[in-house]
Full PDB file with SEQRES, HELIX, SHEET, SSBOND, CRYST1, ORIGX, SCALE, CONECT and MASTER records, all heavy atoms in Angstrom:
SEQRES   1 A   33  ILE PHE ILE ASN SER HIS GLU ASN SER VAL PRO TYR ILE          
SEQRES   2 A   33  LEU ASN ILE SER VAL LYS GLY ILE ARG SER GLU ILE LEU          
SEQRES   3 A   33  LEU HIS PHE LEU GLU GLU LYS                                  
HELIX    1 AA1 SER A   23  GLU A   32  1                                  10    
SHEET    1 AA1 2 PHE A   2  ILE A   3  0                                        
SHEET    2 AA1 2 ILE A  16  SER A  17 -1                                        
CRYST1    1.000    1.000    1.000  90.00  90.00  90.00 P 1           1          
ORIGX1      1.000000  0.000000  0.000000        0.00000                         
ORIGX2      0.000000  1.000000  0.000000        0.00000                         
ORIGX3      0.000000  0.000000  1.000000        0.00000                         
SCALE1      1.000000  0.000000  0.000000        0.00000                         
SCALE2      0.000000  1.000000  0.000000        0.00000                         
SCALE3      0.000000  0.000000  1.000000        0.00000                         
ATOM      1  N   ILE A   1      14.071 -10.179  18.790  1.00  0.00           N  
ATOM      2  CA  ILE A   1      14.761  -9.382  19.807  1.00  0.00           C  
ATOM      3  C   ILE A   1      15.821  -8.529  19.120  1.00  0.00           C  
ATOM      4  O   ILE A   1      16.626  -9.024  18.336  1.00  0.00           O  
ATOM      5  CB  ILE A   1      15.393 -10.262  20.899  1.00  0.00           C  
ATOM      6  CG1 ILE A   1      14.285 -10.963  21.699  1.00  0.00           C  
ATOM      7  CG2 ILE A   1      16.260  -9.423  21.832  1.00  0.00           C  
ATOM      8  CD1 ILE A   1      14.795 -11.802  22.860  1.00  0.00           C  
ATOM      9  N   PHE A   2      15.813  -7.230  19.420  1.00  0.00           N  
ATOM     10  CA  PHE A   2      16.711  -6.277  18.774  1.00  0.00           C  
ATOM     11  C   PHE A   2      17.576  -5.588  19.825  1.00  0.00           C  
ATOM     12  O   PHE A   2      17.095  -5.221  20.897  1.00  0.00           O  
ATOM     13  CB  PHE A   2      15.914  -5.234  17.986  1.00  0.00           C  
ATOM     14  CG  PHE A   2      15.103  -5.811  16.855  1.00  0.00           C  
ATOM     15  CD1 PHE A   2      13.856  -6.374  17.116  1.00  0.00           C  
ATOM     16  CD2 PHE A   2      15.590  -5.814  15.561  1.00  0.00           C  
ATOM     17  CE1 PHE A   2      13.089  -6.916  16.086  1.00  0.00           C  
ATOM     18  CE2 PHE A   2      14.833  -6.355  14.527  1.00  0.00           C  
ATOM     19  CZ  PHE A   2      13.588  -6.901  14.782  1.00  0.00           C  
ATOM     20  N   ILE A   3      18.846  -5.395  19.498  1.00  0.00           N  
ATOM     21  CA  ILE A   3      19.772  -4.679  20.374  1.00  0.00           C  
ATOM     22  C   ILE A   3      19.736  -3.208  19.990  1.00  0.00           C  
ATOM     23  O   ILE A   3      20.073  -2.836  18.863  1.00  0.00           O  
ATOM     24  CB  ILE A   3      21.213  -5.218  20.248  1.00  0.00           C  
ATOM     25  CG1 ILE A   3      21.250  -6.742  20.471  1.00  0.00           C  
ATOM     26  CG2 ILE A   3      22.132  -4.498  21.233  1.00  0.00           C  
ATOM     27  CD1 ILE A   3      20.827  -7.194  21.843  1.00  0.00           C  
ATOM     28  N   ASN A   4      19.328  -2.355  20.915  1.00  0.00           N  
ATOM     29  CA  ASN A   4      19.224  -0.918  20.639  1.00  0.00           C  
ATOM     30  C   ASN A   4      20.490  -0.142  20.959  1.00  0.00           C  
ATOM     31  O   ASN A   4      20.739   0.907  20.368  1.00  0.00           O  
ATOM     32  CB  ASN A   4      18.056  -0.318  21.433  1.00  0.00           C  
ATOM     33  CG  ASN A   4      16.714  -0.902  21.024  1.00  0.00           C  
ATOM     34  OD1 ASN A   4      16.496  -1.230  19.870  1.00  0.00           O  
ATOM     35  ND2 ASN A   4      15.802  -1.032  21.985  1.00  0.00           N  
ATOM     36  N   SER A   5      21.286  -0.622  21.899  1.00  0.00           N  
ATOM     37  CA  SER A   5      22.511   0.086  22.276  1.00  0.00           C  
ATOM     38  C   SER A   5      23.552  -0.023  21.168  1.00  0.00           C  
ATOM     39  O   SER A   5      23.730  -1.081  20.569  1.00  0.00           O  
ATOM     40  CB  SER A   5      23.077  -0.489  23.579  1.00  0.00           C  
ATOM     41  OG  SER A   5      22.205  -0.248  24.664  1.00  0.00           O  
ATOM     42  N   HIS A   6      24.229   1.094  20.911  1.00  0.00           N  
ATOM     43  CA  HIS A   6      25.266   1.120  19.894  1.00  0.00           C  
ATOM     44  C   HIS A   6      26.567   0.527  20.437  1.00  0.00           C  
ATOM     45  O   HIS A   6      26.737   0.316  21.640  1.00  0.00           O  
ATOM     46  CB  HIS A   6      25.503   2.557  19.427  1.00  0.00           C  
ATOM     47  CG  HIS A   6      24.306   3.181  18.775  1.00  0.00           C  
ATOM     48  ND1 HIS A   6      23.910   2.878  17.502  1.00  0.00           N  
ATOM     49  CD2 HIS A   6      23.408   4.096  19.241  1.00  0.00           C  
ATOM     50  CE1 HIS A   6      22.827   3.577  17.188  1.00  0.00           C  
ATOM     51  NE2 HIS A   6      22.498   4.314  18.235  1.00  0.00           N  
ATOM     52  N   GLU A   7      27.505   0.276  19.531  1.00  0.00           N  
ATOM     53  CA  GLU A   7      28.802  -0.269  19.932  1.00  0.00           C  
ATOM     54  C   GLU A   7      29.541   0.690  20.855  1.00  0.00           C  
ATOM     55  O   GLU A   7      30.223   0.279  21.786  1.00  0.00           O  
ATOM     56  CB  GLU A   7      29.663  -0.555  18.688  1.00  0.00           C  
ATOM     57  CG  GLU A   7      29.241  -1.805  17.930  1.00  0.00           C  
ATOM     58  CD  GLU A   7      29.395  -3.069  18.772  1.00  0.00           C  
ATOM     59  OE1 GLU A   7      30.411  -3.189  19.468  1.00  0.00           O  
ATOM     60  OE2 GLU A   7      28.479  -3.904  18.748  1.00  0.00           O  
ATOM     61  N   ASN A   8      29.409   1.999  20.569  1.00  0.00           N  
ATOM     62  CA  ASN A   8      30.097   3.001  21.386  1.00  0.00           C  
ATOM     63  C   ASN A   8      29.291   3.286  22.646  1.00  0.00           C  
ATOM     64  O   ASN A   8      28.781   4.381  22.858  1.00  0.00           O  
ATOM     65  CB  ASN A   8      30.297   4.291  20.578  1.00  0.00           C  
ATOM     66  CG  ASN A   8      31.094   5.326  21.352  1.00  0.00           C  
ATOM     67  OD1 ASN A   8      31.962   4.992  22.162  1.00  0.00           O  
ATOM     68  ND2 ASN A   8      30.793   6.598  21.134  1.00  0.00           N  
ATOM     69  N   SER A   9      29.180   2.263  23.481  1.00  0.00           N  
ATOM     70  CA  SER A   9      28.395   2.369  24.716  1.00  0.00           C  
ATOM     71  C   SER A   9      29.162   1.725  25.861  1.00  0.00           C  
ATOM     72  O   SER A   9      30.044   0.884  25.643  1.00  0.00           O  
ATOM     73  CB  SER A   9      27.032   1.670  24.563  1.00  0.00           C  
ATOM     74  OG  SER A   9      26.279   2.219  23.511  1.00  0.00           O  
ATOM     75  N   VAL A  10      28.806   2.118  27.079  1.00  0.00           N  
ATOM     76  CA  VAL A  10      29.411   1.468  28.242  1.00  0.00           C  
ATOM     77  C   VAL A  10      28.869   0.045  28.344  1.00  0.00           C  
ATOM     78  O   VAL A  10      27.732  -0.223  27.929  1.00  0.00           O  
ATOM     79  CB  VAL A  10      29.105   2.258  29.530  1.00  0.00           C  
ATOM     80  CG1 VAL A  10      29.835   3.583  29.542  1.00  0.00           C  
ATOM     81  CG2 VAL A  10      27.608   2.448  29.712  1.00  0.00           C  
ATOM     82  N   PRO A  11      29.637  -0.879  28.904  1.00  0.00           N  
ATOM     83  CA  PRO A  11      29.208  -2.275  28.928  1.00  0.00           C  
ATOM     84  C   PRO A  11      28.192  -2.623  30.007  1.00  0.00           C  
ATOM     85  O   PRO A  11      27.692  -3.746  30.028  1.00  0.00           O  
ATOM     86  CB  PRO A  11      30.526  -3.031  29.174  1.00  0.00           C  
ATOM     87  CG  PRO A  11      31.376  -2.068  29.921  1.00  0.00           C  
ATOM     88  CD  PRO A  11      31.025  -0.713  29.367  1.00  0.00           C  
ATOM     89  N   TYR A  12      27.877  -1.694  30.886  1.00  0.00           N  
ATOM     90  CA  TYR A  12      26.981  -2.029  32.000  1.00  0.00           C  
ATOM     91  C   TYR A  12      25.538  -1.604  31.757  1.00  0.00           C  
ATOM     92  O   TYR A  12      24.692  -1.782  32.624  1.00  0.00           O  
ATOM     93  CB  TYR A  12      27.497  -1.440  33.308  1.00  0.00           C  
ATOM     94  CG  TYR A  12      27.992  -0.015  33.220  1.00  0.00           C  
ATOM     95  CD1 TYR A  12      27.116   1.061  33.328  1.00  0.00           C  
ATOM     96  CD2 TYR A  12      29.334   0.249  33.016  1.00  0.00           C  
ATOM     97  CE1 TYR A  12      27.569   2.348  33.229  1.00  0.00           C  
ATOM     98  CE2 TYR A  12      29.800   1.550  32.917  1.00  0.00           C  
ATOM     99  CZ  TYR A  12      28.914   2.595  33.034  1.00  0.00           C  
ATOM    100  OH  TYR A  12      29.370   3.888  32.920  1.00  0.00           O  
ATOM    101  N   ILE A  13      25.253  -1.029  30.574  1.00  0.00           N  
ATOM    102  CA  ILE A  13      23.875  -0.715  30.195  1.00  0.00           C  
ATOM    103  C   ILE A  13      23.615  -1.292  28.812  1.00  0.00           C  
ATOM    104  O   ILE A  13      24.383  -1.052  27.877  1.00  0.00           O  
ATOM    105  CB  ILE A  13      23.616   0.802  30.179  1.00  0.00           C  
ATOM    106  CG1 ILE A  13      23.770   1.402  31.578  1.00  0.00           C  
ATOM    107  CG2 ILE A  13      22.206   1.096  29.643  1.00  0.00           C  
ATOM    108  CD1 ILE A  13      23.584   2.919  31.627  1.00  0.00           C  
ATOM    109  N   LEU A  14      22.544  -2.068  28.683  1.00  0.00           N  
ATOM    110  CA  LEU A  14      22.188  -2.669  27.399  1.00  0.00           C  
ATOM    111  C   LEU A  14      20.694  -2.465  27.177  1.00  0.00           C  
ATOM    112  O   LEU A  14      19.870  -2.907  27.974  1.00  0.00           O  
ATOM    113  CB  LEU A  14      22.521  -4.160  27.393  1.00  0.00           C  
ATOM    114  CG  LEU A  14      22.260  -4.905  26.079  1.00  0.00           C  
ATOM    115  CD1 LEU A  14      23.147  -4.369  24.959  1.00  0.00           C  
ATOM    116  CD2 LEU A  14      22.478  -6.404  26.258  1.00  0.00           C  
ATOM    117  N   ASN A  15      20.353  -1.781  26.083  1.00  0.00           N  
ATOM    118  CA  ASN A  15      18.960  -1.527  25.756  1.00  0.00           C  
ATOM    119  C   ASN A  15      18.531  -2.457  24.627  1.00  0.00           C  
ATOM    120  O   ASN A  15      19.213  -2.560  23.611  1.00  0.00           O  
ATOM    121  CB  ASN A  15      18.772  -0.070  25.331  1.00  0.00           C  
ATOM    122  CG  ASN A  15      17.318   0.361  25.358  1.00  0.00           C  
ATOM    123  OD1 ASN A  15      16.497  -0.108  24.575  1.00  0.00           O  
ATOM    124  ND2 ASN A  15      16.992   1.270  26.278  1.00  0.00           N  
ATOM    125  N   ILE A  16      17.408  -3.151  24.815  1.00  0.00           N  
ATOM    126  CA  ILE A  16      16.913  -4.100  23.818  1.00  0.00           C  
ATOM    127  C   ILE A  16      15.426  -3.869  23.586  1.00  0.00           C  
ATOM    128  O   ILE A  16      14.772  -3.165  24.357  1.00  0.00           O  
ATOM    129  CB  ILE A  16      17.134  -5.561  24.252  1.00  0.00           C  
ATOM    130  CG1 ILE A  16      16.223  -5.901  25.443  1.00  0.00           C  
ATOM    131  CG2 ILE A  16      18.599  -5.830  24.585  1.00  0.00           C  
ATOM    132  CD1 ILE A  16      16.168  -7.382  25.785  1.00  0.00           C  
ATOM    133  N   SER A  17      14.892  -4.443  22.524  1.00  0.00           N  
ATOM    134  CA  SER A  17      13.448  -4.448  22.286  1.00  0.00           C  
ATOM    135  C   SER A  17      12.999  -5.860  21.950  1.00  0.00           C  
ATOM    136  O   SER A  17      13.697  -6.588  21.229  1.00  0.00           O  
ATOM    137  CB  SER A  17      13.077  -3.510  21.131  1.00  0.00           C  
ATOM    138  OG  SER A  17      13.170  -2.159  21.528  1.00  0.00           O  
ATOM    139  N   VAL A  18      11.863  -6.240  22.490  1.00  0.00           N  
ATOM    140  CA  VAL A  18      11.238  -7.520  22.172  1.00  0.00           C  
ATOM    141  C   VAL A  18      10.008  -7.193  21.334  1.00  0.00           C  
ATOM    142  O   VAL A  18       8.967  -6.799  21.864  1.00  0.00           O  
ATOM    143  CB  VAL A  18      10.849  -8.295  23.448  1.00  0.00           C  
ATOM    144  CG1 VAL A  18      10.273  -9.666  23.073  1.00  0.00           C  
ATOM    145  CG2 VAL A  18      12.062  -8.461  24.360  1.00  0.00           C  
ATOM    146  N   LYS A  19      10.150  -7.313  20.047  1.00  0.00           N  
ATOM    147  CA  LYS A  19       9.116  -6.860  19.110  1.00  0.00           C  
ATOM    148  C   LYS A  19       7.780  -7.559  19.375  1.00  0.00           C  
ATOM    149  O   LYS A  19       7.715  -8.768  19.561  1.00  0.00           O  
ATOM    150  CB  LYS A  19       9.562  -7.131  17.670  1.00  0.00           C  
ATOM    151  CG  LYS A  19       8.676  -6.482  16.614  1.00  0.00           C  
ATOM    152  CD  LYS A  19       9.247  -6.676  15.229  1.00  0.00           C  
ATOM    153  CE  LYS A  19       8.378  -5.999  14.178  1.00  0.00           C  
ATOM    154  NZ  LYS A  19       8.942  -6.183  12.816  1.00  0.00           N  
ATOM    155  N   GLY A  20       6.712  -6.743  19.421  1.00  0.00           N  
ATOM    156  CA  GLY A  20       5.380  -7.298  19.576  1.00  0.00           C  
ATOM    157  C   GLY A  20       4.881  -7.377  21.005  1.00  0.00           C  
ATOM    158  O   GLY A  20       3.736  -7.768  21.246  1.00  0.00           O  
ATOM    159  N   ILE A  21       5.735  -7.005  21.980  1.00  0.00           N  
ATOM    160  CA  ILE A  21       5.320  -7.019  23.388  1.00  0.00           C  
ATOM    161  C   ILE A  21       5.632  -5.663  24.002  1.00  0.00           C  
ATOM    162  O   ILE A  21       6.790  -5.235  24.005  1.00  0.00           O  
ATOM    163  CB  ILE A  21       6.038  -8.123  24.191  1.00  0.00           C  
ATOM    164  CG1 ILE A  21       5.932  -9.482  23.502  1.00  0.00           C  
ATOM    165  CG2 ILE A  21       5.471  -8.205  25.609  1.00  0.00           C  
ATOM    166  CD1 ILE A  21       6.701 -10.578  24.189  1.00  0.00           C  
ATOM    167  N   ARG A  22       4.628  -4.995  24.538  1.00  0.00           N  
ATOM    168  CA  ARG A  22       4.835  -3.690  25.144  1.00  0.00           C  
ATOM    169  C   ARG A  22       5.726  -3.812  26.381  1.00  0.00           C  
ATOM    170  O   ARG A  22       5.643  -4.771  27.138  1.00  0.00           O  
ATOM    171  CB  ARG A  22       3.499  -3.048  25.516  1.00  0.00           C  
ATOM    172  CG  ARG A  22       2.690  -2.577  24.310  1.00  0.00           C  
ATOM    173  CD  ARG A  22       1.397  -1.919  24.722  1.00  0.00           C  
ATOM    174  NE  ARG A  22       1.626  -0.800  25.610  1.00  0.00           N  
ATOM    175  CZ  ARG A  22       1.091  -0.683  26.825  1.00  0.00           C  
ATOM    176  NH1 ARG A  22       0.309  -1.644  27.295  1.00  0.00           N  
ATOM    177  NH2 ARG A  22       1.334   0.370  27.571  1.00  0.00           N  
ATOM    178  N   SER A  23       6.561  -2.805  26.574  1.00  0.00           N  
ATOM    179  CA  SER A  23       7.540  -2.809  27.660  1.00  0.00           C  
ATOM    180  C   SER A  23       6.909  -3.071  29.016  1.00  0.00           C  
ATOM    181  O   SER A  23       7.403  -3.891  29.804  1.00  0.00           O  
ATOM    182  CB  SER A  23       8.284  -1.469  27.695  1.00  0.00           C  
ATOM    183  OG  SER A  23       8.883  -1.179  26.470  1.00  0.00           O  
ATOM    184  N   GLU A  24       5.814  -2.361  29.302  1.00  0.00           N  
ATOM    185  CA  GLU A  24       5.187  -2.471  30.621  1.00  0.00           C  
ATOM    186  C   GLU A  24       4.686  -3.885  30.879  1.00  0.00           C  
ATOM    187  O   GLU A  24       4.844  -4.425  31.982  1.00  0.00           O  
ATOM    188  CB  GLU A  24       4.040  -1.470  30.728  1.00  0.00           C  
ATOM    189  CG  GLU A  24       3.396  -1.444  32.107  1.00  0.00           C  
ATOM    190  CD  GLU A  24       2.297  -0.409  32.216  1.00  0.00           C  
ATOM    191  OE1 GLU A  24       2.102   0.367  31.250  1.00  0.00           O  
ATOM    192  OE2 GLU A  24       1.625  -0.375  33.259  1.00  0.00           O  
ATOM    193  N   ILE A  25       4.113  -4.511  29.864  1.00  0.00           N  
ATOM    194  CA  ILE A  25       3.604  -5.875  30.015  1.00  0.00           C  
ATOM    195  C   ILE A  25       4.759  -6.842  30.263  1.00  0.00           C  
ATOM    196  O   ILE A  25       4.691  -7.709  31.143  1.00  0.00           O  
ATOM    197  CB  ILE A  25       2.809  -6.292  28.760  1.00  0.00           C  
ATOM    198  CG1 ILE A  25       1.539  -5.450  28.643  1.00  0.00           C  
ATOM    199  CG2 ILE A  25       2.459  -7.778  28.804  1.00  0.00           C  
ATOM    200  CD1 ILE A  25       0.779  -5.648  27.358  1.00  0.00           C  
ATOM    201  N   LEU A  26       5.815  -6.674  29.491  1.00  0.00           N  
ATOM    202  CA  LEU A  26       6.971  -7.551  29.624  1.00  0.00           C  
ATOM    203  C   LEU A  26       7.665  -7.348  30.968  1.00  0.00           C  
ATOM    204  O   LEU A  26       8.101  -8.317  31.611  1.00  0.00           O  
ATOM    205  CB  LEU A  26       7.948  -7.289  28.477  1.00  0.00           C  
ATOM    206  CG  LEU A  26       9.155  -8.219  28.351  1.00  0.00           C  
ATOM    207  CD1 LEU A  26       8.727  -9.684  28.373  1.00  0.00           C  
ATOM    208  CD2 LEU A  26       9.928  -7.905  27.081  1.00  0.00           C  
ATOM    209  N   LEU A  27       7.734  -6.100  31.399  1.00  0.00           N  
ATOM    210  CA  LEU A  27       8.366  -5.795  32.682  1.00  0.00           C  
ATOM    211  C   LEU A  27       7.671  -6.530  33.825  1.00  0.00           C  
ATOM    212  O   LEU A  27       8.327  -7.125  34.692  1.00  0.00           O  
ATOM    213  CB  LEU A  27       8.342  -4.281  32.897  1.00  0.00           C  
ATOM    214  CG  LEU A  27       9.098  -3.712  34.102  1.00  0.00           C  
ATOM    215  CD1 LEU A  27       9.590  -2.297  33.777  1.00  0.00           C  
ATOM    216  CD2 LEU A  27       8.220  -3.648  35.341  1.00  0.00           C  
ATOM    217  N   HIS A  28       6.341  -6.520  33.828  1.00  0.00           N  
ATOM    218  CA  HIS A  28       5.600  -7.176  34.911  1.00  0.00           C  
ATOM    219  C   HIS A  28       5.630  -8.702  34.774  1.00  0.00           C  
ATOM    220  O   HIS A  28       5.577  -9.416  35.783  1.00  0.00           O  
ATOM    221  CB  HIS A  28       4.164  -6.656  34.950  1.00  0.00           C  
ATOM    222  CG  HIS A  28       4.068  -5.222  35.382  1.00  0.00           C  
ATOM    223  ND1 HIS A  28       4.565  -4.775  36.585  1.00  0.00           N  
ATOM    224  CD2 HIS A  28       3.548  -4.129  34.760  1.00  0.00           C  
ATOM    225  CE1 HIS A  28       4.348  -3.486  36.712  1.00  0.00           C  
ATOM    226  NE2 HIS A  28       3.740  -3.057  35.615  1.00  0.00           N  
ATOM    227  N   PHE A  29       5.726  -9.186  33.552  1.00  0.00           N  
ATOM    228  CA  PHE A  29       5.888 -10.634  33.346  1.00  0.00           C  
ATOM    229  C   PHE A  29       7.198 -11.096  33.974  1.00  0.00           C  
ATOM    230  O   PHE A  29       7.252 -12.124  34.676  1.00  0.00           O  
ATOM    231  CB  PHE A  29       5.873 -10.958  31.846  1.00  0.00           C  
ATOM    232  CG  PHE A  29       6.115 -12.402  31.526  1.00  0.00           C  
ATOM    233  CD1 PHE A  29       5.069 -13.326  31.527  1.00  0.00           C  
ATOM    234  CD2 PHE A  29       7.398 -12.856  31.227  1.00  0.00           C  
ATOM    235  CE1 PHE A  29       5.303 -14.666  31.240  1.00  0.00           C  
ATOM    236  CE2 PHE A  29       7.630 -14.193  30.938  1.00  0.00           C  
ATOM    237  CZ  PHE A  29       6.587 -15.099  30.946  1.00  0.00           C  
ATOM    238  N   LEU A  30       8.249 -10.340  33.762  1.00  0.00           N  
ATOM    239  CA  LEU A  30       9.559 -10.678  34.334  1.00  0.00           C  
ATOM    240  C   LEU A  30       9.549 -10.528  35.851  1.00  0.00           C  
ATOM    241  O   LEU A  30      10.161 -11.321  36.571  1.00  0.00           O  
ATOM    242  CB  LEU A  30      10.639  -9.783  33.720  1.00  0.00           C  
ATOM    243  CG  LEU A  30      10.915  -9.989  32.227  1.00  0.00           C  
ATOM    244  CD1 LEU A  30      11.829  -8.884  31.695  1.00  0.00           C  
ATOM    245  CD2 LEU A  30      11.556 -11.356  31.986  1.00  0.00           C  
ATOM    246  N   GLU A  31       8.825  -9.509  36.329  1.00  0.00           N  
ATOM    247  CA  GLU A  31       8.755  -9.277  37.770  1.00  0.00           C  
ATOM    248  C   GLU A  31       8.150 -10.476  38.494  1.00  0.00           C  
ATOM    249  O   GLU A  31       8.556 -10.808  39.617  1.00  0.00           O  
ATOM    250  CB  GLU A  31       7.938  -8.018  38.043  1.00  0.00           C  
ATOM    251  CG  GLU A  31       7.846  -7.641  39.514  1.00  0.00           C  
ATOM    252  CD  GLU A  31       6.978  -6.426  39.745  1.00  0.00           C  
ATOM    253  OE1 GLU A  31       6.269  -6.009  38.800  1.00  0.00           O  
ATOM    254  OE2 GLU A  31       6.985  -5.908  40.875  1.00  0.00           O  
ATOM    255  N   GLU A  32       7.179 -11.127  37.868  1.00  0.00           N  
ATOM    256  CA  GLU A  32       6.573 -12.310  38.477  1.00  0.00           C  
ATOM    257  C   GLU A  32       7.590 -13.429  38.667  1.00  0.00           C  
ATOM    258  O   GLU A  32       7.412 -14.301  39.521  1.00  0.00           O  
ATOM    259  CB  GLU A  32       5.412 -12.791  37.614  1.00  0.00           C  
ATOM    260  CG  GLU A  32       4.202 -11.861  37.629  1.00  0.00           C  
ATOM    261  CD  GLU A  32       3.089 -12.345  36.728  1.00  0.00           C  
ATOM    262  OE1 GLU A  32       3.279 -13.390  36.053  1.00  0.00           O  
ATOM    263  OE2 GLU A  32       2.026 -11.696  36.685  1.00  0.00           O  
ATOM    264  N   LYS A  33       8.659 -13.396  37.873  1.00  0.00           N  
ATOM    265  CA  LYS A  33       9.729 -14.382  38.003  1.00  0.00           C  
ATOM    266  C   LYS A  33      10.897 -13.837  38.823  1.00  0.00           C  
ATOM    267  O   LYS A  33      11.985 -14.408  38.829  1.00  0.00           O  
ATOM    268  CB  LYS A  33      10.208 -14.790  36.601  1.00  0.00           C  
ATOM    269  CG  LYS A  33       9.127 -15.462  35.762  1.00  0.00           C  
ATOM    270  CD  LYS A  33       9.663 -15.842  34.389  1.00  0.00           C  
ATOM    271  CE  LYS A  33       8.605 -16.569  33.588  1.00  0.00           C  
ATOM    272  NZ  LYS A  33       8.198 -17.871  34.223  1.00  0.00           N  
TER     273      LYS A  33                                                      
MASTER        0    0    0    1    2    0    0    6  272    1    0    3          
END                                                                             
């Protein structure tokens, strides 16, 4: 898991990546929960 947002960012948005899993697939996996 990688943090994409830089330090000079607002605290209410955080961008991350989960290596090896496409965003769309992960999004729907989370939606099921």
